[in-house]
Amino acid sequence: MVPMVTTESGLQYKDIKVGQGPSPPVGFQVAANYVAMIPSGQIFDSSLEKGRPYIFRVGSGQVVKGLDEGILTMKTGGKRRLYIPGPLAFPKGLVSAPGRPRVAPNSPVIFDVSLEYIPGLEADEE
């Protein structure tokens, strides 16, 4: 059984699959797939529906704090479930796409995230 990890910020996560590749350095871009859910399990956002990974710069505030923190200690190829407390998610709430549940202010959210690759790192290794 994989243990649940709780960080100082209150973020909790559980590795579904530990990756074999490198972890992303702060400031690097990562390509990640995610499914974002409210606590009931209803999906409010997913990169899988867009058909391509979501690319963002780690540690630069482009995504919610809990995702930024949770992906830093992942390894490429890994998959992790993040239990993100409200203050690290959407403190002001989030109006989702039509037909999706909205995220209430300070509601906890769950992200299943897969770290697909780190664009800047692979190029250096070839």
N, C-alpha and C. Protein backbone atom coordinates (compact mmCIF):
# COMPACT_ATOMS: atom_id res chain seq x y z
N MET A 1 0.85 -1.19 0.00
CA MET A 1 0.00 0.00 0.00
C MET A 1 0.88 1.25 0.00
N VAL A 2 0.61 2.15 -0.89
CA VAL A 2 1.41 3.36 -0.99
C VAL A 2 0.98 4.34 0.09
N PRO A 3 1.94 4.86 0.87
CA PRO A 3 1.54 5.78 1.92
C PRO A 3 1.13 7.14 1.37
N MET A 4 0.26 7.81 2.10
CA MET A 4 -0.12 9.18 1.78
C MET A 4 0.95 10.09 2.39
N VAL A 5 1.42 11.04 1.62
CA VAL A 5 2.41 12.00 2.11
C VAL A 5 1.70 13.33 2.35
N THR A 6 1.99 13.95 3.47
CA THR A 6 1.45 15.29 3.75
C THR A 6 2.61 16.25 3.90
N THR A 7 2.58 17.35 3.16
CA THR A 7 3.67 18.33 3.21
C THR A 7 3.33 19.43 4.22
N GLU A 8 4.31 20.28 4.50
CA GLU A 8 4.10 21.37 5.46
C GLU A 8 2.95 22.29 5.06
N SER A 9 2.75 22.46 3.77
CA SER A 9 1.71 23.38 3.29
C SER A 9 0.30 22.83 3.47
N GLY A 10 0.22 21.51 3.72
CA GLY A 10 -1.09 20.87 3.84
C GLY A 10 -1.45 20.06 2.61
N LEU A 11 -0.62 20.14 1.58
CA LEU A 11 -0.82 19.31 0.39
C LEU A 11 -0.64 17.84 0.77
N GLN A 12 -1.51 16.99 0.25
CA GLN A 12 -1.34 15.55 0.44
C GLN A 12 -1.24 14.89 -0.93
N TYR A 13 -0.43 13.85 -1.01
CA TYR A 13 -0.37 13.14 -2.29
C TYR A 13 -0.04 11.68 -2.08
N LYS A 14 -0.36 10.93 -3.11
CA LYS A 14 -0.11 9.49 -3.12
C LYS A 14 0.40 9.15 -4.51
N ASP A 15 1.53 8.47 -4.58
CA ASP A 15 2.05 8.08 -5.89
C ASP A 15 1.28 6.87 -6.39
N ILE A 16 0.76 6.97 -7.60
CA ILE A 16 0.09 5.85 -8.24
C ILE A 16 1.15 5.04 -8.97
N LYS A 17 2.09 5.75 -9.57
CA LYS A 17 3.22 5.11 -10.25
C LYS A 17 4.41 6.05 -10.12
N VAL A 18 5.53 5.54 -9.63
CA VAL A 18 6.72 6.38 -9.50
C VAL A 18 7.47 6.35 -10.83
N GLY A 19 7.79 7.51 -11.34
CA GLY A 19 8.49 7.60 -12.62
C GLY A 19 9.95 7.20 -12.51
N GLN A 20 10.56 6.96 -13.64
CA GLN A 20 11.97 6.56 -13.69
C GLN A 20 12.87 7.72 -14.10
N GLY A 21 12.28 8.78 -14.61
CA GLY A 21 13.07 9.88 -15.14
C GLY A 21 13.42 10.92 -14.09
N PRO A 22 13.93 12.07 -14.54
CA PRO A 22 14.32 13.14 -13.62
C PRO A 22 13.12 13.90 -13.06
N SER A 23 13.36 14.59 -11.97
CA SER A 23 12.36 15.52 -11.42
C SER A 23 12.56 16.88 -12.07
N PRO A 24 11.50 17.67 -12.20
CA PRO A 24 11.64 18.96 -12.87
C PRO A 24 12.32 20.01 -12.01
N PRO A 25 13.37 20.65 -12.52
CA PRO A 25 13.96 21.77 -11.79
C PRO A 25 13.00 22.97 -11.81
N VAL A 26 13.01 23.76 -10.76
CA VAL A 26 12.18 24.96 -10.71
C VAL A 26 12.53 25.85 -11.89
N GLY A 27 11.51 26.39 -12.54
CA GLY A 27 11.75 27.28 -13.68
C GLY A 27 11.72 26.57 -15.02
N PHE A 28 11.79 25.23 -15.00
CA PHE A 28 11.71 24.48 -16.25
C PHE A 28 10.25 24.27 -16.63
N GLN A 29 10.03 24.09 -17.91
CA GLN A 29 8.69 23.73 -18.35
C GLN A 29 8.50 22.24 -18.18
N VAL A 30 7.27 21.85 -17.90
CA VAL A 30 6.92 20.43 -17.86
C VAL A 30 5.70 20.22 -18.74
N ALA A 31 5.60 19.01 -19.26
CA ALA A 31 4.40 18.61 -19.99
C ALA A 31 3.72 17.56 -19.12
N ALA A 32 2.50 17.88 -18.70
CA ALA A 32 1.79 16.99 -17.78
C ALA A 32 0.35 16.80 -18.24
N ASN A 33 -0.16 15.61 -18.00
CA ASN A 33 -1.58 15.37 -18.20
C ASN A 33 -2.24 15.36 -16.84
N TYR A 34 -3.44 15.88 -16.77
CA TYR A 34 -4.12 15.92 -15.48
C TYR A 34 -5.62 15.75 -15.66
N VAL A 35 -6.22 15.24 -14.59
CA VAL A 35 -7.68 15.23 -14.46
C VAL A 35 -7.95 15.89 -13.12
N ALA A 36 -8.74 16.97 -13.14
CA ALA A 36 -9.01 17.74 -11.93
C ALA A 36 -10.44 17.52 -11.48
N MET A 37 -10.60 17.16 -10.20
CA MET A 37 -11.92 16.81 -9.68
C MET A 37 -12.25 17.59 -8.42
N ILE A 38 -13.55 17.82 -8.21
CA ILE A 38 -13.99 18.32 -6.91
C ILE A 38 -14.09 17.10 -6.00
N PRO A 39 -14.23 17.29 -4.67
CA PRO A 39 -14.18 16.14 -3.75
C PRO A 39 -15.16 15.01 -4.07
N SER A 40 -16.29 15.32 -4.70
CA SER A 40 -17.27 14.28 -5.04
C SER A 40 -16.79 13.37 -6.16
N GLY A 41 -15.68 13.76 -6.81
CA GLY A 41 -15.17 12.97 -7.93
C GLY A 41 -15.61 13.49 -9.28
N GLN A 42 -16.47 14.52 -9.30
CA GLN A 42 -16.87 15.11 -10.59
C GLN A 42 -15.69 15.87 -11.19
N ILE A 43 -15.45 15.64 -12.47
CA ILE A 43 -14.33 16.28 -13.16
C ILE A 43 -14.70 17.70 -13.57
N PHE A 44 -13.83 18.67 -13.22
CA PHE A 44 -14.09 20.04 -13.67
C PHE A 44 -13.10 20.49 -14.73
N ASP A 45 -12.00 19.75 -14.91
CA ASP A 45 -11.05 20.10 -15.97
C ASP A 45 -10.17 18.89 -16.25
N SER A 46 -9.75 18.73 -17.49
CA SER A 46 -8.90 17.60 -17.84
C SER A 46 -8.13 17.91 -19.11
N SER A 47 -6.82 17.68 -19.06
CA SER A 47 -6.01 17.87 -20.27
C SER A 47 -6.23 16.73 -21.25
N LEU A 48 -6.68 15.58 -20.75
CA LEU A 48 -6.86 14.41 -21.61
C LEU A 48 -7.90 14.68 -22.69
N GLU A 49 -8.92 15.49 -22.34
CA GLU A 49 -9.95 15.81 -23.32
C GLU A 49 -9.42 16.70 -24.43
N LYS A 50 -8.35 17.42 -24.14
CA LYS A 50 -7.78 18.32 -25.15
C LYS A 50 -6.83 17.55 -26.07
N GLY A 51 -6.49 16.33 -25.68
CA GLY A 51 -5.70 15.47 -26.55
C GLY A 51 -4.21 15.74 -26.54
N ARG A 52 -3.76 16.59 -25.63
CA ARG A 52 -2.31 16.84 -25.54
C ARG A 52 -1.99 17.28 -24.12
N PRO A 53 -0.74 17.04 -23.69
CA PRO A 53 -0.38 17.45 -22.33
C PRO A 53 -0.44 18.96 -22.17
N TYR A 54 -0.60 19.37 -20.94
CA TYR A 54 -0.60 20.79 -20.60
C TYR A 54 0.84 21.16 -20.26
N ILE A 55 1.34 22.21 -20.87
CA ILE A 55 2.73 22.62 -20.62
C ILE A 55 2.74 23.88 -19.77
N PHE A 56 3.47 23.83 -18.68
CA PHE A 56 3.59 25.02 -17.83
C PHE A 56 4.96 25.05 -17.17
N ARG A 57 5.33 26.22 -16.70
CA ARG A 57 6.63 26.41 -16.07
C ARG A 57 6.48 26.17 -14.57
N VAL A 58 7.27 25.25 -14.05
CA VAL A 58 7.18 24.86 -12.65
C VAL A 58 7.64 25.98 -11.72
N GLY A 59 6.90 26.20 -10.66
CA GLY A 59 7.32 27.16 -9.64
C GLY A 59 7.12 28.60 -10.02
N SER A 60 6.38 28.86 -11.09
CA SER A 60 6.22 30.25 -11.54
C SER A 60 4.80 30.78 -11.35
N GLY A 61 3.96 30.00 -10.68
CA GLY A 61 2.61 30.49 -10.40
C GLY A 61 1.66 30.40 -11.57
N GLN A 62 2.01 29.61 -12.59
CA GLN A 62 1.11 29.48 -13.75
C GLN A 62 -0.06 28.54 -13.46
N VAL A 63 0.09 27.71 -12.44
CA VAL A 63 -0.97 26.77 -12.07
C VAL A 63 -1.25 26.93 -10.57
N VAL A 64 -2.27 26.26 -10.07
CA VAL A 64 -2.58 26.37 -8.64
C VAL A 64 -1.39 25.90 -7.81
N LYS A 65 -1.25 26.48 -6.63
CA LYS A 65 -0.08 26.23 -5.79
C LYS A 65 0.13 24.74 -5.49
N GLY A 66 -0.97 24.03 -5.24
CA GLY A 66 -0.84 22.62 -4.89
C GLY A 66 -0.28 21.78 -6.02
N LEU A 67 -0.64 22.12 -7.26
CA LEU A 67 -0.10 21.40 -8.41
C LEU A 67 1.37 21.76 -8.60
N ASP A 68 1.70 23.03 -8.46
CA ASP A 68 3.09 23.47 -8.57
C ASP A 68 3.97 22.72 -7.58
N GLU A 69 3.50 22.64 -6.34
CA GLU A 69 4.29 21.97 -5.30
C GLU A 69 4.34 20.47 -5.54
N GLY A 70 3.21 19.89 -5.90
CA GLY A 70 3.12 18.44 -6.01
C GLY A 70 3.93 17.86 -7.15
N ILE A 71 4.11 18.63 -8.22
CA ILE A 71 4.81 18.08 -9.39
C ILE A 71 6.33 18.18 -9.23
N LEU A 72 6.78 19.07 -8.34
CA LEU A 72 8.22 19.28 -8.16
C LEU A 72 8.96 18.03 -7.72
N THR A 73 8.32 17.19 -6.91
CA THR A 73 9.00 16.00 -6.40
C THR A 73 8.63 14.75 -7.20
N MET A 74 7.90 14.93 -8.29
CA MET A 74 7.60 13.79 -9.16
C MET A 74 8.78 13.52 -10.08
N LYS A 75 8.81 12.32 -10.63
CA LYS A 75 9.80 11.98 -11.65
C LYS A 75 9.07 11.77 -12.97
N THR A 76 9.76 12.04 -14.07
CA THR A 76 9.17 11.87 -15.39
C THR A 76 8.66 10.44 -15.56
N GLY A 77 7.46 10.32 -16.10
CA GLY A 77 6.85 9.01 -16.28
C GLY A 77 5.97 8.61 -15.10
N GLY A 78 5.99 9.42 -14.06
CA GLY A 78 5.22 9.09 -12.87
C GLY A 78 3.80 9.61 -12.92
N LYS A 79 2.96 9.03 -12.06
CA LYS A 79 1.58 9.48 -11.93
C LYS A 79 1.28 9.60 -10.44
N ARG A 80 0.62 10.69 -10.07
CA ARG A 80 0.39 10.98 -8.67
C ARG A 80 -1.01 11.55 -8.49
N ARG A 81 -1.62 11.20 -7.38
CA ARG A 81 -2.90 11.82 -7.02
C ARG A 81 -2.62 12.87 -5.95
N LEU A 82 -3.00 14.10 -6.25
CA LEU A 82 -2.80 15.22 -5.32
C LEU A 82 -4.12 15.58 -4.66
N TYR A 83 -4.10 15.66 -3.34
CA TYR A 83 -5.26 16.14 -2.59
C TYR A 83 -4.90 17.56 -2.16
N ILE A 84 -5.45 18.53 -2.87
CA ILE A 84 -5.03 19.92 -2.70
C ILE A 84 -6.03 20.67 -1.82
N PRO A 85 -5.57 21.19 -0.67
CA PRO A 85 -6.49 21.95 0.18
C PRO A 85 -6.89 23.28 -0.47
N GLY A 86 -8.03 23.80 -0.06
CA GLY A 86 -8.58 25.01 -0.68
C GLY A 86 -7.62 26.17 -0.87
N PRO A 87 -6.85 26.54 0.17
CA PRO A 87 -5.95 27.69 0.01
C PRO A 87 -4.87 27.48 -1.06
N LEU A 88 -4.56 26.21 -1.38
CA LEU A 88 -3.55 25.92 -2.41
C LEU A 88 -4.20 25.63 -3.76
N ALA A 89 -5.53 25.74 -3.80
CA ALA A 89 -6.26 25.44 -5.04
C ALA A 89 -6.83 26.73 -5.62
N PHE A 90 -8.12 26.95 -5.40
CA PHE A 90 -8.79 28.14 -5.95
C PHE A 90 -9.43 28.92 -4.80
N PRO A 91 -8.63 29.76 -4.11
CA PRO A 91 -9.17 30.50 -2.95
C PRO A 91 -10.41 31.31 -3.31
N LYS A 92 -10.48 31.80 -4.55
CA LYS A 92 -11.63 32.61 -4.97
C LYS A 92 -12.69 31.77 -5.69
N GLY A 93 -12.43 30.46 -5.80
CA GLY A 93 -13.36 29.62 -6.55
C GLY A 93 -13.02 29.64 -8.03
N LEU A 94 -13.73 28.83 -8.79
CA LEU A 94 -13.47 28.72 -10.22
C LEU A 94 -14.78 28.43 -10.94
N VAL A 95 -15.06 29.22 -11.95
CA VAL A 95 -16.22 28.95 -12.80
C VAL A 95 -15.71 28.06 -13.93
N SER A 96 -16.22 26.84 -13.99
CA SER A 96 -15.73 25.88 -14.97
C SER A 96 -16.44 26.03 -16.30
N ALA A 97 -16.04 25.21 -17.25
CA ALA A 97 -16.68 25.20 -18.57
C ALA A 97 -18.15 24.80 -18.42
N PRO A 98 -18.97 25.13 -19.42
CA PRO A 98 -20.39 24.75 -19.36
C PRO A 98 -20.56 23.25 -19.13
N GLY A 99 -21.46 22.88 -18.26
CA GLY A 99 -21.70 21.48 -17.98
C GLY A 99 -20.77 20.88 -16.95
N ARG A 100 -19.84 21.67 -16.46
CA ARG A 100 -18.90 21.18 -15.45
C ARG A 100 -19.26 21.75 -14.08
N PRO A 101 -18.92 21.02 -13.03
CA PRO A 101 -19.18 21.58 -11.70
C PRO A 101 -18.27 22.78 -11.44
N ARG A 102 -18.79 23.79 -10.75
CA ARG A 102 -17.92 24.90 -10.39
C ARG A 102 -17.18 24.53 -9.11
N VAL A 103 -16.04 25.15 -8.91
CA VAL A 103 -15.25 24.90 -7.71
C VAL A 103 -15.57 26.03 -6.73
N ALA A 104 -16.06 25.67 -5.56
CA ALA A 104 -16.40 26.68 -4.56
C ALA A 104 -15.13 27.31 -4.01
N PRO A 105 -15.19 28.56 -3.57
CA PRO A 105 -14.02 29.20 -2.98
C PRO A 105 -13.46 28.36 -1.83
N ASN A 106 -12.15 28.17 -1.84
CA ASN A 106 -11.44 27.41 -0.81
C ASN A 106 -11.86 25.95 -0.69
N SER A 107 -12.50 25.42 -1.74
CA SER A 107 -12.83 23.99 -1.72
C SER A 107 -11.58 23.19 -2.03
N PRO A 108 -11.38 22.05 -1.34
CA PRO A 108 -10.28 21.18 -1.74
C PRO A 108 -10.56 20.59 -3.12
N VAL A 109 -9.52 20.25 -3.83
CA VAL A 109 -9.67 19.61 -5.13
C VAL A 109 -8.70 18.44 -5.21
N ILE A 110 -8.97 17.55 -6.15
CA ILE A 110 -8.12 16.37 -6.37
C ILE A 110 -7.60 16.44 -7.79
N PHE A 111 -6.30 16.30 -7.95
CA PHE A 111 -5.70 16.25 -9.28
C PHE A 111 -5.01 14.91 -9.45
N ASP A 112 -5.36 14.19 -10.51
CA ASP A 112 -4.54 13.05 -10.93
C ASP A 112 -3.61 13.60 -12.00
N VAL A 113 -2.32 13.58 -11.73
CA VAL A 113 -1.38 14.21 -12.66
C VAL A 113 -0.31 13.22 -13.09
N SER A 114 -0.02 13.21 -14.38
CA SER A 114 1.06 12.39 -14.94
C SER A 114 2.11 13.33 -15.51
N LEU A 115 3.34 13.16 -15.06
CA LEU A 115 4.44 13.98 -15.59
C LEU A 115 4.97 13.29 -16.84
N GLU A 116 4.61 13.82 -18.00
CA GLU A 116 4.92 13.15 -19.26
C GLU A 116 6.38 13.36 -19.68
N TYR A 117 6.80 14.60 -19.73
CA TYR A 117 8.20 14.89 -20.06
C TYR A 117 8.56 16.31 -19.67
N ILE A 118 9.86 16.59 -19.67
CA ILE A 118 10.38 17.91 -19.34
C ILE A 118 11.10 18.41 -20.58
N PRO A 119 10.45 19.27 -21.39
CA PRO A 119 11.00 19.63 -22.70
C PRO A 119 12.46 20.07 -22.68
N GLY A 120 12.87 20.87 -21.72
CA GLY A 120 14.24 21.39 -21.71
C GLY A 120 15.29 20.37 -21.35
N LEU A 121 14.91 19.35 -20.58
CA LEU A 121 15.90 18.40 -20.09
C LEU A 121 16.26 17.34 -21.12
N GLU A 122 15.25 16.80 -21.81
CA GLU A 122 15.53 15.73 -22.77
C GLU A 122 16.52 16.20 -23.83
N ALA A 123 16.36 17.45 -24.26
CA ALA A 123 17.22 17.96 -25.34
C ALA A 123 18.69 17.96 -24.92
N ASP A 124 18.95 18.24 -23.64
CA ASP A 124 20.33 18.32 -23.18
C ASP A 124 21.00 16.95 -23.12
N GLU A 125 20.20 15.91 -23.01
CA GLU A 125 20.77 14.58 -22.77
C GLU A 125 21.14 13.84 -24.05
N GLU A 126 20.66 14.34 -25.18
CA GLU A 126 20.88 13.59 -26.43
C GLU A 126 22.31 13.72 -26.91
